[in-house]
mmCIF file of all heavy atoms, coordinates in Angstrom:
data_MODEL
# 
_entry.id   MODEL 
# 
loop_
_atom_site.group_PDB 
_atom_site.id 
_atom_site.type_symbol 
_atom_site.label_atom_id 
_atom_site.label_alt_id 
_atom_site.label_comp_id 
_atom_site.label_asym_id 
_atom_site.label_entity_id 
_atom_site.label_seq_id 
_atom_site.pdbx_PDB_ins_code 
_atom_site.Cartn_x 
_atom_site.Cartn_y 
_atom_site.Cartn_z 
_atom_site.occupancy 
_atom_site.B_iso_or_equiv 
_atom_site.pdbx_formal_charge 
_atom_site.auth_seq_id 
_atom_site.auth_comp_id 
_atom_site.auth_asym_id 
_atom_site.auth_atom_id 
_atom_site.pdbx_PDB_model_num 
ATOM 1   N N   . LYS A 1 1  ? 100.238 97.838  81.908  1.00 0.00 ? 1  LYS A N   1 
ATOM 2   C CA  . LYS A 1 1  ? 99.148  98.166  80.993  1.00 0.00 ? 1  LYS A CA  1 
ATOM 3   C C   . LYS A 1 1  ? 98.421  99.426  81.451  1.00 0.00 ? 1  LYS A C   1 
ATOM 4   O O   . LYS A 1 1  ? 97.978  100.242 80.619  1.00 0.00 ? 1  LYS A O   1 
ATOM 5   C CB  . LYS A 1 1  ? 98.177  96.989  80.875  1.00 0.00 ? 1  LYS A CB  1 
ATOM 6   C CG  . LYS A 1 1  ? 98.792  95.751  80.220  1.00 0.00 ? 1  LYS A CG  1 
ATOM 7   C CD  . LYS A 1 1  ? 97.773  94.656  79.994  1.00 0.00 ? 1  LYS A CD  1 
ATOM 8   C CE  . LYS A 1 1  ? 96.846  94.979  78.837  1.00 0.00 ? 1  LYS A CE  1 
ATOM 9   N NZ  . LYS A 1 1  ? 95.998  93.822  78.464  1.00 0.00 ? 1  LYS A NZ  1 
ATOM 10  N N   . ASN A 1 2  ? 98.310  99.599  82.772  1.00 0.00 ? 2  ASN A N   1 
ATOM 11  C CA  . ASN A 1 2  ? 97.658  100.795 83.306  1.00 0.00 ? 2  ASN A CA  1 
ATOM 12  C C   . ASN A 1 2  ? 98.409  102.064 82.899  1.00 0.00 ? 2  ASN A C   1 
ATOM 13  O O   . ASN A 1 2  ? 97.799  103.092 82.614  1.00 0.00 ? 2  ASN A O   1 
ATOM 14  C CB  . ASN A 1 2  ? 97.583  100.735 84.834  1.00 0.00 ? 2  ASN A CB  1 
ATOM 15  C CG  . ASN A 1 2  ? 96.602  99.704  85.342  1.00 0.00 ? 2  ASN A CG  1 
ATOM 16  O OD1 . ASN A 1 2  ? 95.743  99.235  84.603  1.00 0.00 ? 2  ASN A OD1 1 
ATOM 17  N ND2 . ASN A 1 2  ? 96.729  99.338  86.605  1.00 0.00 ? 2  ASN A ND2 1 
ATOM 18  N N   . ILE A 1 3  ? 99.740  101.977 82.898  1.00 0.00 ? 3  ILE A N   1 
ATOM 19  C CA  . ILE A 1 3  ? 100.568 103.157 82.597  1.00 0.00 ? 3  ILE A CA  1 
ATOM 20  C C   . ILE A 1 3  ? 100.811 103.320 81.097  1.00 0.00 ? 3  ILE A C   1 
ATOM 21  O O   . ILE A 1 3  ? 100.692 104.418 80.547  1.00 0.00 ? 3  ILE A O   1 
ATOM 22  C CB  . ILE A 1 3  ? 101.929 103.058 83.316  1.00 0.00 ? 3  ILE A CB  1 
ATOM 23  C CG1 . ILE A 1 3  ? 101.737 103.099 84.841  1.00 0.00 ? 3  ILE A CG1 1 
ATOM 24  C CG2 . ILE A 1 3  ? 102.851 104.192 82.866  1.00 0.00 ? 3  ILE A CG2 1 
ATOM 25  C CD1 . ILE A 1 3  ? 101.211 104.405 85.389  1.00 0.00 ? 3  ILE A CD1 1 
ATOM 26  N N   . PHE A 1 4  ? 101.146 102.240 80.432  1.00 0.00 ? 4  PHE A N   1 
ATOM 27  C CA  . PHE A 1 4  ? 101.597 102.331 79.039  1.00 0.00 ? 4  PHE A CA  1 
ATOM 28  C C   . PHE A 1 4  ? 100.526 101.962 78.006  1.00 0.00 ? 4  PHE A C   1 
ATOM 29  O O   . PHE A 1 4  ? 100.751 102.126 76.806  1.00 0.00 ? 4  PHE A O   1 
ATOM 30  C CB  . PHE A 1 4  ? 102.825 101.447 78.823  1.00 0.00 ? 4  PHE A CB  1 
ATOM 31  C CG  . PHE A 1 4  ? 104.015 101.857 79.642  1.00 0.00 ? 4  PHE A CG  1 
ATOM 32  C CD1 . PHE A 1 4  ? 104.293 101.239 80.856  1.00 0.00 ? 4  PHE A CD1 1 
ATOM 33  C CD2 . PHE A 1 4  ? 104.857 102.867 79.203  1.00 0.00 ? 4  PHE A CD2 1 
ATOM 34  C CE1 . PHE A 1 4  ? 105.397 101.621 81.616  1.00 0.00 ? 4  PHE A CE1 1 
ATOM 35  C CE2 . PHE A 1 4  ? 105.959 103.257 79.960  1.00 0.00 ? 4  PHE A CE2 1 
ATOM 36  C CZ  . PHE A 1 4  ? 106.228 102.633 81.172  1.00 0.00 ? 4  PHE A CZ  1 
ATOM 37  N N   . GLY A 1 5  ? 99.395  101.450 78.474  1.00 0.00 ? 5  GLY A N   1 
ATOM 38  C CA  . GLY A 1 5  ? 98.342  101.067 77.546  1.00 0.00 ? 5  GLY A CA  1 
ATOM 39  C C   . GLY A 1 5  ? 98.794  99.962  76.610  1.00 0.00 ? 5  GLY A C   1 
ATOM 40  O O   . GLY A 1 5  ? 99.372  98.957  77.045  1.00 0.00 ? 5  GLY A O   1 
ATOM 41  N N   . ASP A 1 6  ? 98.541  100.151 75.320  1.00 0.00 ? 6  ASP A N   1 
ATOM 42  C CA  . ASP A 1 6  ? 98.924  99.141  74.325  1.00 0.00 ? 6  ASP A CA  1 
ATOM 43  C C   . ASP A 1 6  ? 100.326 99.379  73.769  1.00 0.00 ? 6  ASP A C   1 
ATOM 44  O O   . ASP A 1 6  ? 100.766 98.654  72.864  1.00 0.00 ? 6  ASP A O   1 
ATOM 45  C CB  . ASP A 1 6  ? 97.914  99.142  73.169  1.00 0.00 ? 6  ASP A CB  1 
ATOM 46  C CG  . ASP A 1 6  ? 96.523  98.694  73.611  1.00 0.00 ? 6  ASP A CG  1 
ATOM 47  O OD1 . ASP A 1 6  ? 96.447  97.864  74.540  1.00 0.00 ? 6  ASP A OD1 1 
ATOM 48  O OD2 . ASP A 1 6  ? 95.530  99.186  73.039  1.00 0.00 ? 6  ASP A OD2 1 
ATOM 49  N N   . ASN A 1 7  ? 101.026 100.386 74.289  1.00 0.00 ? 7  ASN A N   1 
ATOM 50  C CA  . ASN A 1 7  ? 102.361 100.721 73.776  1.00 0.00 ? 7  ASN A CA  1 
ATOM 51  C C   . ASN A 1 7  ? 103.428 100.511 74.849  1.00 0.00 ? 7  ASN A C   1 
ATOM 52  O O   . ASN A 1 7  ? 104.170 101.425 75.208  1.00 0.00 ? 7  ASN A O   1 
ATOM 53  C CB  . ASN A 1 7  ? 102.372 102.175 73.288  1.00 0.00 ? 7  ASN A CB  1 
ATOM 54  C CG  . ASN A 1 7  ? 101.403 102.414 72.161  1.00 0.00 ? 7  ASN A CG  1 
ATOM 55  O OD1 . ASN A 1 7  ? 101.455 101.729 71.136  1.00 0.00 ? 7  ASN A OD1 1 
ATOM 56  N ND2 . ASN A 1 7  ? 100.501 103.360 72.339  1.00 0.00 ? 7  ASN A ND2 1 
ATOM 57  N N   . ILE A 1 8  ? 103.492 99.285  75.365  1.00 0.00 ? 8  ILE A N   1 
ATOM 58  C CA  . ILE A 1 8  ? 104.455 98.971  76.419  1.00 0.00 ? 8  ILE A CA  1 
ATOM 59  C C   . ILE A 1 8  ? 105.851 98.861  75.803  1.00 0.00 ? 8  ILE A C   1 
ATOM 60  O O   . ILE A 1 8  ? 106.048 98.149  74.806  1.00 0.00 ? 8  ILE A O   1 
ATOM 61  C CB  . ILE A 1 8  ? 104.071 97.667  77.130  1.00 0.00 ? 8  ILE A CB  1 
ATOM 62  C CG1 . ILE A 1 8  ? 102.715 97.848  77.827  1.00 0.00 ? 8  ILE A CG1 1 
ATOM 63  C CG2 . ILE A 1 8  ? 105.137 97.264  78.143  1.00 0.00 ? 8  ILE A CG2 1 
ATOM 64  C CD1 . ILE A 1 8  ? 102.166 96.597  78.453  1.00 0.00 ? 8  ILE A CD1 1 
ATOM 65  N N   . PRO A 1 9  ? 106.834 99.571  76.357  1.00 0.00 ? 9  PRO A N   1 
ATOM 66  C CA  . PRO A 1 9  ? 108.206 99.510  75.833  1.00 0.00 ? 9  PRO A CA  1 
ATOM 67  C C   . PRO A 1 9  ? 108.784 98.098  75.979  1.00 0.00 ? 9  PRO A C   1 
ATOM 68  O O   . PRO A 1 9  ? 108.226 97.261  76.699  1.00 0.00 ? 9  PRO A O   1 
ATOM 69  C CB  . PRO A 1 9  ? 108.972 100.505 76.720  1.00 0.00 ? 9  PRO A CB  1 
ATOM 70  C CG  . PRO A 1 9  ? 107.925 101.336 77.379  1.00 0.00 ? 9  PRO A CG  1 
ATOM 71  C CD  . PRO A 1 9  ? 106.717 100.461 77.511  1.00 0.00 ? 9  PRO A CD  1 
ATOM 72  N N   . PRO A 1 10 ? 109.889 97.801  75.320  1.00 0.00 ? 10 PRO A N   1 
ATOM 73  C CA  . PRO A 1 10 ? 110.560 96.510  75.525  1.00 0.00 ? 10 PRO A CA  1 
ATOM 74  C C   . PRO A 1 10 ? 110.807 96.299  77.019  1.00 0.00 ? 10 PRO A C   1 
ATOM 75  O O   . PRO A 1 10 ? 111.297 97.199  77.703  1.00 0.00 ? 10 PRO A O   1 
ATOM 76  C CB  . PRO A 1 10 ? 111.871 96.670  74.754  1.00 0.00 ? 10 PRO A CB  1 
ATOM 77  C CG  . PRO A 1 10 ? 111.577 97.699  73.719  1.00 0.00 ? 10 PRO A CG  1 
ATOM 78  C CD  . PRO A 1 10 ? 110.617 98.654  74.357  1.00 0.00 ? 10 PRO A CD  1 
ATOM 79  N N   . PHE A 1 11 ? 110.451 95.128  77.516  1.00 0.00 ? 11 PHE A N   1 
ATOM 80  C CA  . PHE A 1 11 ? 110.642 94.857  78.941  1.00 0.00 ? 11 PHE A CA  1 
ATOM 81  C C   . PHE A 1 11 ? 111.122 93.433  79.149  1.00 0.00 ? 11 PHE A C   1 
ATOM 82  O O   . PHE A 1 11 ? 110.920 92.554  78.306  1.00 0.00 ? 11 PHE A O   1 
ATOM 83  C CB  . PHE A 1 11 ? 109.349 95.095  79.732  1.00 0.00 ? 11 PHE A CB  1 
ATOM 84  C CG  . PHE A 1 11 ? 108.310 94.008  79.580  1.00 0.00 ? 11 PHE A CG  1 
ATOM 85  C CD1 . PHE A 1 11 ? 108.213 92.977  80.512  1.00 0.00 ? 11 PHE A CD1 1 
ATOM 86  C CD2 . PHE A 1 11 ? 107.429 94.006  78.501  1.00 0.00 ? 11 PHE A CD2 1 
ATOM 87  C CE1 . PHE A 1 11 ? 107.264 91.973  80.380  1.00 0.00 ? 11 PHE A CE1 1 
ATOM 88  C CE2 . PHE A 1 11 ? 106.474 93.002  78.354  1.00 0.00 ? 11 PHE A CE2 1 
ATOM 89  C CZ  . PHE A 1 11 ? 106.396 91.986  79.297  1.00 0.00 ? 11 PHE A CZ  1 
ATOM 90  N N   . SER A 1 12 ? 111.783 93.226  80.285  1.00 0.00 ? 12 SER A N   1 
ATOM 91  C CA  . SER A 1 12 ? 112.231 91.886  80.654  1.00 0.00 ? 12 SER A CA  1 
ATOM 92  C C   . SER A 1 12 ? 112.561 91.844  82.129  1.00 0.00 ? 12 SER A C   1 
ATOM 93  O O   . SER A 1 12 ? 112.811 92.868  82.757  1.00 0.00 ? 12 SER A O   1 
ATOM 94  C CB  . SER A 1 12 ? 113.473 91.479  79.841  1.00 0.00 ? 12 SER A CB  1 
ATOM 95  O OG  . SER A 1 12 ? 114.576 92.315  80.157  1.00 0.00 ? 12 SER A OG  1 
ATOM 96  N N   . SER A 1 13 ? 112.546 90.640  82.668  1.00 0.00 ? 13 SER A N   1 
ATOM 97  C CA  . SER A 1 13 ? 113.041 90.400  84.027  1.00 0.00 ? 13 SER A CA  1 
ATOM 98  C C   . SER A 1 13 ? 114.379 89.685  83.908  1.00 0.00 ? 13 SER A C   1 
ATOM 99  O O   . SER A 1 13 ? 114.534 88.787  83.084  1.00 0.00 ? 13 SER A O   1 
ATOM 100 C CB  . SER A 1 13 ? 112.064 89.515  84.804  1.00 0.00 ? 13 SER A CB  1 
ATOM 101 O OG  . SER A 1 13 ? 112.668 89.031  85.996  1.00 0.00 ? 13 SER A OG  1 
ATOM 102 N N   . THR A 1 14 ? 115.339 90.089  84.734  1.00 0.00 ? 14 THR A N   1 
ATOM 103 C CA  . THR A 1 14 ? 116.660 89.444  84.707  1.00 0.00 ? 14 THR A CA  1 
ATOM 104 C C   . THR A 1 14 ? 116.837 88.456  85.859  1.00 0.00 ? 14 THR A C   1 
ATOM 105 O O   . THR A 1 14 ? 117.942 87.984  86.112  1.00 0.00 ? 14 THR A O   1 
ATOM 106 C CB  . THR A 1 14 ? 117.768 90.512  84.757  1.00 0.00 ? 14 THR A CB  1 
ATOM 107 O OG1 . THR A 1 14 ? 117.491 91.446  85.804  1.00 0.00 ? 14 THR A OG1 1 
ATOM 108 C CG2 . THR A 1 14 ? 117.852 91.255  83.442  1.00 0.00 ? 14 THR A CG2 1 
ATOM 109 N N   . LYS A 1 15 ? 115.748 88.114  86.532  1.00 0.00 ? 15 LYS A N   1 
ATOM 110 C CA  . LYS A 1 15 ? 115.864 87.234  87.700  1.00 0.00 ? 15 LYS A CA  1 
ATOM 111 C C   . LYS A 1 15 ? 116.151 85.781  87.335  1.00 0.00 ? 15 LYS A C   1 
ATOM 112 O O   . LYS A 1 15 ? 116.579 85.003  88.192  1.00 0.00 ? 15 LYS A O   1 
ATOM 113 C CB  . LYS A 1 15 ? 114.623 87.361  88.583  1.00 0.00 ? 15 LYS A CB  1 
ATOM 114 C CG  . LYS A 1 15 ? 114.598 88.681  89.339  1.00 0.00 ? 15 LYS A CG  1 
ATOM 115 C CD  . LYS A 1 15 ? 113.448 88.779  90.321  1.00 0.00 ? 15 LYS A CD  1 
ATOM 116 C CE  . LYS A 1 15 ? 113.575 90.032  91.177  1.00 0.00 ? 15 LYS A CE  1 
ATOM 117 N NZ  . LYS A 1 15 ? 113.510 91.282  90.427  1.00 0.00 ? 15 LYS A NZ  1 
ATOM 118 N N   . ALA A 1 16 ? 115.936 85.402  86.096  1.00 0.00 ? 16 ALA A N   1 
ATOM 119 C CA  . ALA A 1 16 ? 116.326 84.051  85.686  1.00 0.00 ? 16 ALA A CA  1 
ATOM 120 C C   . ALA A 1 16 ? 117.840 83.941  85.525  1.00 0.00 ? 16 ALA A C   1 
ATOM 121 O O   . ALA A 1 16 ? 118.377 82.851  85.372  1.00 0.00 ? 16 ALA A O   1 
ATOM 122 C CB  . ALA A 1 16 ? 115.630 83.668  84.383  1.00 0.00 ? 16 ALA A CB  1 
ATOM 123 N N   . TYR A 1 17 ? 118.540 85.065  85.559  1.00 0.00 ? 17 TYR A N   1 
ATOM 124 C CA  . TYR A 1 17 ? 120.007 85.092  85.580  1.00 0.00 ? 17 TYR A CA  1 
ATOM 125 C C   . TYR A 1 17 ? 120.531 84.957  87.016  1.00 0.00 ? 17 TYR A C   1 
ATOM 126 O O   . TYR A 1 17 ? 121.388 84.129  87.298  1.00 0.00 ? 17 TYR A O   1 
ATOM 127 C CB  . TYR A 1 17 ? 120.531 86.425  85.028  1.00 0.00 ? 17 TYR A CB  1 
ATOM 128 C CG  . TYR A 1 17 ? 120.528 86.593  83.545  1.00 0.00 ? 17 TYR A CG  1 
ATOM 129 C CD1 . TYR A 1 17 ? 119.477 87.241  82.914  1.00 0.00 ? 17 TYR A CD1 1 
ATOM 130 C CD2 . TYR A 1 17 ? 121.597 86.136  82.778  1.00 0.00 ? 17 TYR A CD2 1 
ATOM 131 C CE1 . TYR A 1 17 ? 119.490 87.444  81.540  1.00 0.00 ? 17 TYR A CE1 1 
ATOM 132 C CE2 . TYR A 1 17 ? 121.614 86.337  81.403  1.00 0.00 ? 17 TYR A CE2 1 
ATOM 133 C CZ  . TYR A 1 17 ? 120.559 86.983  80.791  1.00 0.00 ? 17 TYR A CZ  1 
ATOM 134 O OH  . TYR A 1 17 ? 120.584 87.180  79.438  1.00 0.00 ? 17 TYR A OH  1 
ATOM 135 N N   . THR A 1 18 ? 120.035 85.803  87.897  1.00 0.00 ? 18 THR A N   1 
ATOM 136 C CA  . THR A 1 18 ? 120.609 85.963  89.241  1.00 0.00 ? 18 THR A CA  1 
ATOM 137 C C   . THR A 1 18 ? 119.836 85.287  90.348  1.00 0.00 ? 18 THR A C   1 
ATOM 138 O O   . THR A 1 18 ? 120.348 85.112  91.445  1.00 0.00 ? 18 THR A O   1 
ATOM 139 C CB  . THR A 1 18 ? 120.689 87.459  89.598  1.00 0.00 ? 18 THR A CB  1 
ATOM 140 O OG1 . THR A 1 18 ? 119.351 87.996  89.638  1.00 0.00 ? 18 THR A OG1 1 
ATOM 141 C CG2 . THR A 1 18 ? 121.505 88.230  88.572  1.00 0.00 ? 18 THR A CG2 1 
ATOM 142 N N   . GLY A 1 19 ? 118.585 84.912  90.079  1.00 0.00 ? 19 GLY A N   1 
ATOM 143 C CA  . GLY A 1 19 ? 117.683 84.540  91.149  1.00 0.00 ? 19 GLY A CA  1 
ATOM 144 C C   . GLY A 1 19 ? 117.135 85.813  91.777  1.00 0.00 ? 19 GLY A C   1 
ATOM 145 O O   . GLY A 1 19 ? 117.595 86.922  91.481  1.00 0.00 ? 19 GLY A O   1 
ATOM 146 N N   . HIS A 1 20 ? 116.147 85.665  92.633  1.00 0.00 ? 20 HIS A N   1 
ATOM 147 C CA  . HIS A 1 20 ? 115.594 86.836  93.323  1.00 0.00 ? 20 HIS A CA  1 
ATOM 148 C C   . HIS A 1 20 ? 116.468 87.109  94.544  1.00 0.00 ? 20 HIS A C   1 
ATOM 149 O O   . HIS A 1 20 ? 116.483 86.337  95.492  1.00 0.00 ? 20 HIS A O   1 
ATOM 150 C CB  . HIS A 1 20 ? 114.153 86.576  93.743  1.00 0.00 ? 20 HIS A CB  1 
ATOM 151 C CG  . HIS A 1 20 ? 113.452 87.791  94.267  1.00 0.00 ? 20 HIS A CG  1 
ATOM 152 N ND1 . HIS A 1 20 ? 114.072 89.015  94.388  1.00 0.00 ? 20 HIS A ND1 1 
ATOM 153 C CD2 . HIS A 1 20 ? 112.181 87.979  94.712  1.00 0.00 ? 20 HIS A CD2 1 
ATOM 154 C CE1 . HIS A 1 20 ? 113.216 89.899  94.879  1.00 0.00 ? 20 HIS A CE1 1 
ATOM 155 N NE2 . HIS A 1 20 ? 112.060 89.285  95.075  1.00 0.00 ? 20 HIS A NE2 1 
ATOM 156 N N   . THR A 1 21 ? 117.178 88.210  94.509  1.00 0.00 ? 21 THR A N   1 
ATOM 157 C CA  . THR A 1 21 ? 118.160 88.535  95.550  1.00 0.00 ? 21 THR A CA  1 
ATOM 158 C C   . THR A 1 21 ? 117.580 89.418  96.651  1.00 0.00 ? 21 THR A C   1 
ATOM 159 O O   . THR A 1 21 ? 118.317 90.036  97.422  1.00 0.00 ? 21 THR A O   1 
ATOM 160 C CB  . THR A 1 21 ? 119.387 89.218  94.929  1.00 0.00 ? 21 THR A CB  1 
ATOM 161 O OG1 . THR A 1 21 ? 118.951 90.367  94.184  1.00 0.00 ? 21 THR A OG1 1 
ATOM 162 C CG2 . THR A 1 21 ? 120.124 88.268  93.987  1.00 0.00 ? 21 THR A CG2 1 
ATOM 163 N N   . LEU A 1 22 ? 116.263 89.499  96.725  1.00 0.00 ? 22 LEU A N   1 
ATOM 164 C CA  . LEU A 1 22 ? 115.553 90.201  97.804  1.00 0.00 ? 22 LEU A CA  1 
ATOM 165 C C   . LEU A 1 22 ? 116.021 91.650  97.952  1.00 0.00 ? 22 LEU A C   1 
ATOM 166 O O   . LEU A 1 22 ? 115.854 92.430  97.037  1.00 0.00 ? 22 LEU A O   1 
ATOM 167 C CB  . LEU A 1 22 ? 115.690 89.409  99.107  1.00 0.00 ? 22 LEU A CB  1 
ATOM 168 C CG  . LEU A 1 22 ? 115.250 87.931  99.024  1.00 0.00 ? 22 LEU A CG  1 
ATOM 169 C CD1 . LEU A 1 22 ? 115.385 87.241  100.373 1.00 0.00 ? 22 LEU A CD1 1 
ATOM 170 C CD2 . LEU A 1 22 ? 113.835 87.813  98.483  1.00 0.00 ? 22 LEU A CD2 1 
ATOM 171 N N   . ALA A 1 23 ? 116.602 92.019  99.082  1.00 0.00 ? 23 ALA A N   1 
ATOM 172 C CA  . ALA A 1 23 ? 116.978 93.418  99.317  1.00 0.00 ? 23 ALA A CA  1 
ATOM 173 C C   . ALA A 1 23 ? 118.021 93.920  98.333  1.00 0.00 ? 23 ALA A C   1 
ATOM 174 O O   . ALA A 1 23 ? 118.159 95.128  98.131  1.00 0.00 ? 23 ALA A O   1 
ATOM 175 C CB  . ALA A 1 23 ? 117.485 93.598  100.742 1.00 0.00 ? 23 ALA A CB  1 
ATOM 176 N N   . ALA A 1 24 ? 118.762 93.010  97.721  1.00 0.00 ? 24 ALA A N   1 
ATOM 177 C CA  . ALA A 1 24 ? 119.782 93.412  96.747  1.00 0.00 ? 24 ALA A CA  1 
ATOM 178 C C   . ALA A 1 24 ? 119.203 93.605  95.352  1.00 0.00 ? 24 ALA A C   1 
ATOM 179 O O   . ALA A 1 24 ? 119.845 94.221  94.492  1.00 0.00 ? 24 ALA A O   1 
ATOM 180 C CB  . ALA A 1 24 ? 120.894 92.370  96.683  1.00 0.00 ? 24 ALA A CB  1 
# 
């Protein structure tokens, strides 16, 4: 929100696919 204000581009996290792989 700080960077994009009210015009945030499409976004998503893919960690529900892979899990959080830390350094990878």
